[in-house]
Protein backbone atom coordinates (compact mmCIF):
# COMPACT_ATOMS: atom_id res chain seq x y z
CA MET A 1 0.00 0.00 0.00
CA LYS A 2 2.88 2.35 0.80
CA SER A 3 4.28 1.85 -2.68
CA ALA A 4 0.88 2.70 -4.14
CA TYR A 5 0.79 5.94 -2.15
CA SER A 6 4.36 6.74 -3.26
CA LEU A 7 3.34 6.33 -6.87
CA LEU A 8 0.29 8.47 -6.24
CA PHE A 9 2.48 11.18 -4.70
CA LEU A 10 4.85 11.16 -7.68
CA ALA A 11 1.91 11.27 -10.05
CA SER A 12 0.51 14.27 -8.23
CA LEU A 13 3.81 16.11 -8.64
CA ALA A 14 3.99 15.20 -12.31
CA SER A 15 0.50 16.55 -12.86
CA LEU A 16 1.64 19.89 -11.45
CA ALA A 17 4.24 20.24 -14.20
CA HIS A 18 2.85 22.11 -17.18
CA GLY A 19 3.90 23.10 -20.64
CA ALA A 20 5.21 26.64 -20.97
CA THR A 21 6.73 28.83 -23.65
CA LEU A 22 9.50 31.41 -23.58
CA VAL A 23 9.92 33.68 -26.63
CA GLN A 24 12.86 35.91 -27.56
CA THR A 25 12.68 38.23 -30.60
CA ARG A 26 15.54 40.34 -31.88
CA GLU A 27 15.24 42.90 -34.69
CA PHE A 28 17.83 43.78 -37.33
CA GLU A 29 18.31 46.55 -39.90
CA PHE A 30 21.26 47.19 -42.22
CA LEU A 31 22.31 47.77 -45.82
CA PRO A 32 23.63 45.01 -48.06
CA ASP A 33 26.20 43.81 -48.55
CA GLY A 34 26.25 43.61 -44.79
CA SER A 35 25.37 41.68 -41.65
CA GLN A 36 24.20 42.07 -38.07
CA ASN A 37 24.73 39.91 -34.99
CA LEU A 38 21.88 39.17 -32.58
CA VAL A 39 22.39 37.96 -29.00
CA PHE A 40 19.99 35.48 -27.37
CA ASP A 41 19.86 33.94 -23.89
CA LYS A 42 20.18 30.20 -23.60
CA PHE A 43 17.39 28.34 -21.79
CA ASP A 44 17.65 28.54 -18.00
CA LEU A 45 17.38 24.96 -16.73
CA THR A 46 16.08 26.17 -13.36
CA LEU A 47 12.81 26.92 -15.17
CA GLY A 48 12.19 23.31 -16.14
CA THR A 49 12.94 20.76 -18.84
CA LEU A 50 13.48 22.03 -22.38
CA THR A 51 11.35 19.94 -24.78
CA SER A 52 11.76 21.72 -28.12
CA VAL A 53 13.11 24.85 -29.80
CA THR A 54 11.76 26.70 -32.81
CA VAL A 55 13.62 29.38 -34.76
CA SER A 56 12.17 31.74 -37.35
CA VAL A 57 13.61 34.59 -39.41
CA VAL A 58 11.77 37.19 -41.49
CA MET A 59 13.77 39.41 -43.86
CA ASN A 60 12.23 42.47 -45.51
CA LYS A 61 13.61 44.31 -48.54
CA THR A 62 12.57 47.93 -49.16
CA GLY A 63 13.71 50.69 -51.47
CA GLY A 64 16.50 50.54 -54.00
CA ARG A 65 16.79 51.34 -57.70
CA PHE A 66 17.93 49.60 -60.88
CA GLU A 67 18.66 51.31 -64.21
CA VAL A 68 19.61 49.93 -67.61
CA ASP A 69 21.11 51.75 -70.60
CA ASN A 70 20.97 49.99 -73.97
CA ASP A 71 24.24 50.62 -75.79
CA SER A 72 23.47 48.15 -78.56
CA THR A 73 21.86 48.89 -81.94
CA ASN A 74 19.12 46.35 -81.22
CA THR A 75 15.61 47.06 -80.02
CA GLY A 76 14.04 44.42 -77.81
CA THR A 77 12.32 43.41 -74.59
CA ILE A 78 14.14 42.96 -71.30
CA SER A 79 13.40 41.66 -67.80
CA MET A 80 15.05 43.12 -64.70
CA ASN A 81 15.51 41.59 -61.24
CA HIS A 82 16.51 43.39 -58.04
CA ASN A 83 17.20 40.87 -55.26
CA VAL A 84 18.45 40.61 -51.72
CA VAL A 85 19.83 37.18 -50.80
CA GLY A 86 20.29 36.49 -47.11
CA ASN A 87 21.04 33.72 -44.66
CA LEU A 88 21.06 32.99 -40.94
CA SER A 89 24.17 31.57 -39.28
CA VAL A 90 25.58 30.71 -35.86
CA VAL A 91 28.29 33.17 -34.86
CA ALA A 92 28.92 31.97 -31.30
CA GLY A 93 27.43 29.74 -28.63
CA SER A 94 27.62 26.31 -30.29
CA VAL A 95 23.91 25.95 -31.05
CA GLY A 96 22.48 24.23 -34.12
CA LEU A 97 20.07 25.51 -36.78
CA ILE A 98 19.30 22.05 -38.18
CA ARG A 99 15.78 20.67 -38.58
CA SER A 100 15.01 16.97 -38.16
CA ASP A 101 15.29 16.54 -41.95
CA PHE A 102 18.83 17.96 -41.78
CA THR A 103 17.97 21.17 -43.65
CA ALA A 104 19.15 24.43 -42.14
CA ILE A 105 16.80 27.18 -40.97
CA GLY A 106 17.77 30.29 -42.89
CA GLY A 107 20.29 28.30 -44.90
CA SER A 108 21.89 29.35 -48.16
CA GLY A 109 19.27 30.27 -50.76
CA SER A 110 16.31 30.09 -48.36
CA LEU A 111 16.10 33.86 -47.83
CA THR A 112 15.70 35.54 -51.23
CA ALA A 113 13.55 38.66 -51.45
CA SER A 114 13.06 39.49 -55.12
CA SER A 115 11.43 42.29 -57.13
CA SER A 116 11.04 41.97 -60.91
CA LEU A 117 10.13 44.04 -63.95
CA THR A 118 9.37 41.76 -66.90
CA ASP A 119 8.85 42.15 -70.64
CA GLN A 120 9.87 45.80 -70.72
CA PRO A 121 10.39 47.28 -74.23
CA ILE A 122 13.68 49.13 -74.75
CA ALA A 123 14.91 51.02 -77.80
CA ALA A 124 18.31 50.83 -79.44
CA THR A 125 21.02 53.22 -78.29
CA SER A 126 20.23 56.89 -78.61
CA GLY A 127 23.82 57.59 -79.57
CA ASP A 128 25.36 58.01 -76.11
CA ALA A 129 28.82 56.68 -75.30
CA THR A 130 29.04 52.89 -75.47
CA ASN A 131 30.45 50.47 -72.90
CA THR A 132 29.48 52.79 -70.08
CA PHE A 133 26.23 53.55 -68.27
CA ASN A 134 24.47 56.78 -69.22
CA ALA A 135 21.16 57.92 -67.75
CA THR A 136 19.94 59.32 -71.05
CA GLY A 137 16.33 59.67 -69.99
CA GLN A 138 15.33 58.44 -73.43
CA SER A 139 13.75 55.23 -74.71
CA ASP A 140 17.07 53.37 -74.49
CA HIS A 141 17.10 53.98 -70.72
CA ILE A 142 14.84 52.19 -68.22
CA VAL A 143 14.49 52.99 -64.52
CA PHE A 144 13.10 50.25 -62.27
CA ILE A 145 11.94 51.20 -58.76
CA PRO A 146 11.52 47.79 -57.09
CA SER A 147 8.55 47.01 -54.89
CA ALA A 148 9.00 45.83 -51.32
CA ALA A 149 9.54 42.11 -50.90
CA ALA A 150 10.07 39.65 -48.06
CA ALA A 151 11.44 36.20 -47.39
CA SER A 152 11.20 33.92 -44.36
CA SER A 153 12.42 30.64 -42.97
CA SER A 154 11.41 28.73 -39.85
CA GLY A 155 11.38 25.32 -38.25
CA THR A 156 11.80 23.16 -35.18
CA ILE A 157 15.34 22.32 -34.16
CA ALA A 158 16.23 18.63 -34.47
CA SER A 159 15.97 16.78 -31.16
CA PHE A 160 19.68 15.92 -31.13
CA ALA A 161 20.52 19.65 -31.32
CA THR A 162 17.93 20.86 -28.80
CA PRO A 163 20.22 20.44 -25.74
CA THR A 164 22.70 22.92 -27.26
CA TYR A 165 20.21 25.69 -26.44
CA ALA A 166 20.09 24.88 -22.71
CA GLY A 167 22.41 26.05 -19.98
CA PRO A 168 24.06 29.26 -18.84
CA GLY A 169 25.17 32.08 -21.08
CA THR A 170 24.16 33.34 -24.49
CA PHE A 171 24.51 32.53 -28.15
CA ILE A 172 24.81 34.77 -31.20
CA LEU A 173 23.04 34.40 -34.54
CA GLY A 174 24.14 36.43 -37.54
CA VAL A 175 21.94 37.72 -40.36
CA ASN A 176 23.82 38.30 -43.61
CA ALA A 177 22.53 39.77 -46.87
CA ILE A 178 23.95 40.66 -50.27
CA GLN A 179 22.42 42.72 -53.06
CA SER A 180 22.16 41.25 -56.55
CA VAL A 181 20.70 42.51 -59.83
CA SER A 182 20.27 40.88 -63.22
CA VAL A 183 18.85 41.75 -66.62
CA THR A 184 18.06 39.45 -69.54
CA GLY A 185 16.77 39.84 -73.08
CA LEU A 186 19.48 41.76 -74.94
CA GLY A 187 23.23 42.16 -75.08
CA GLY A 188 25.06 45.46 -74.80
CA LEU A 189 23.19 46.58 -71.68
CA GLN A 190 24.94 48.77 -69.12
CA GLN A 191 23.66 48.78 -65.53
CA ALA A 192 23.57 50.93 -62.41
CA PHE A 193 21.78 50.25 -59.14
CA THR A 194 21.35 51.29 -55.54
CA VAL A 195 20.82 48.75 -52.78
CA SER A 196 17.66 48.08 -50.81
CA GLY A 197 17.37 48.44 -47.08
CA VAL A 198 17.18 45.17 -45.16
CA SER A 199 15.19 44.74 -41.95
CA GLY A 200 13.37 42.05 -40.04
CA GLU A 201 13.47 39.88 -36.97
CA VAL A 202 14.67 36.56 -35.64
CA THR A 203 12.58 34.72 -33.05
CA VAL A 204 13.72 31.85 -30.82
CA THR A 205 10.99 30.00 -28.92
CA TYR A 206 11.64 27.58 -26.06
CA ASN A 207 8.93 25.03 -25.26
CA TYR A 208 9.44 23.43 -21.87
CA ASP A 209 7.87 21.60 -18.96
CA ALA A 210 7.93 24.04 -16.08
CA ILE A 211 9.09 23.00 -12.62
CA PRO A 212 6.15 23.35 -10.17
CA GLU A 213 6.31 26.17 -7.67
CA PRO A 214 7.21 24.95 -4.14
CA GLY A 215 3.79 25.95 -2.84
CA ALA A 216 2.05 23.93 -5.53
CA ALA A 217 4.17 20.88 -4.71
CA VAL A 218 3.28 21.20 -1.02
CA LEU A 219 -0.43 21.40 -1.83
CA GLY A 220 -0.14 18.33 -4.04
CA GLY A 221 1.56 16.43 -1.24
CA LEU A 222 -1.06 17.52 1.27
CA GLY A 223 -3.75 16.26 -1.07
CA VAL A 224 -2.17 12.82 -1.13
CA LEU A 225 -1.76 12.83 2.65
CA ALA A 226 -5.42 13.73 3.06
CA LEU A 227 -6.39 10.86 0.80
CA MET A 228 -4.20 8.51 2.84
CA GLY A 229 -5.91 9.69 6.02
CA ARG A 230 -9.36 9.00 4.62
CA ARG A 231 -8.29 5.52 3.48
CA ARG A 232 -7.02 4.67 6.99
CA ARG A 233 -10.38 5.55 8.50
């Protein structure tokens, strides 16, 4: 009977444990080609048992400019792309960004914010100097003001990497971004561009089983003792 009451006592304590969530969000803002480091706290094991970790990153691209000058004697149609390509990396703290399928959150190529201008007619050169960009303001010159765009990546950290987020101290994640432009459709095109601004946020979420407060544990124990007393009567 004592063993049964012991099991009942342990069960009462287990029932007091509850799932909880701790969220940390850090914002970033910079110009490409550039990067920014973000500092996060590791999970405090005095709070309970860490069960899973999710990481998400949102990268926004705003502003910028892309111009093309046709120095060829050909008239045609062109398409222009103004992109920011970013990634998330571990700078310090020995944590992992790997999902259970072994893909990386914010890995190479997963954060591409793109703005496009397609099938744009352009005239042959107006007679300006060749092999150099000239903002002629004529029909051989196209100005593309890209729209805002965004990219995101998220996931749950693989179970084998989850313990790397627990313990004292901090870890640092880095957001990196480069500007890229491209134009297709004709040869002899000269280009000029200004970069977009990059902004966004990285969120780290800890899911854990919280350790019961001492008062709650005492009440649970008293409940079991009361039950034992009634059984003895």
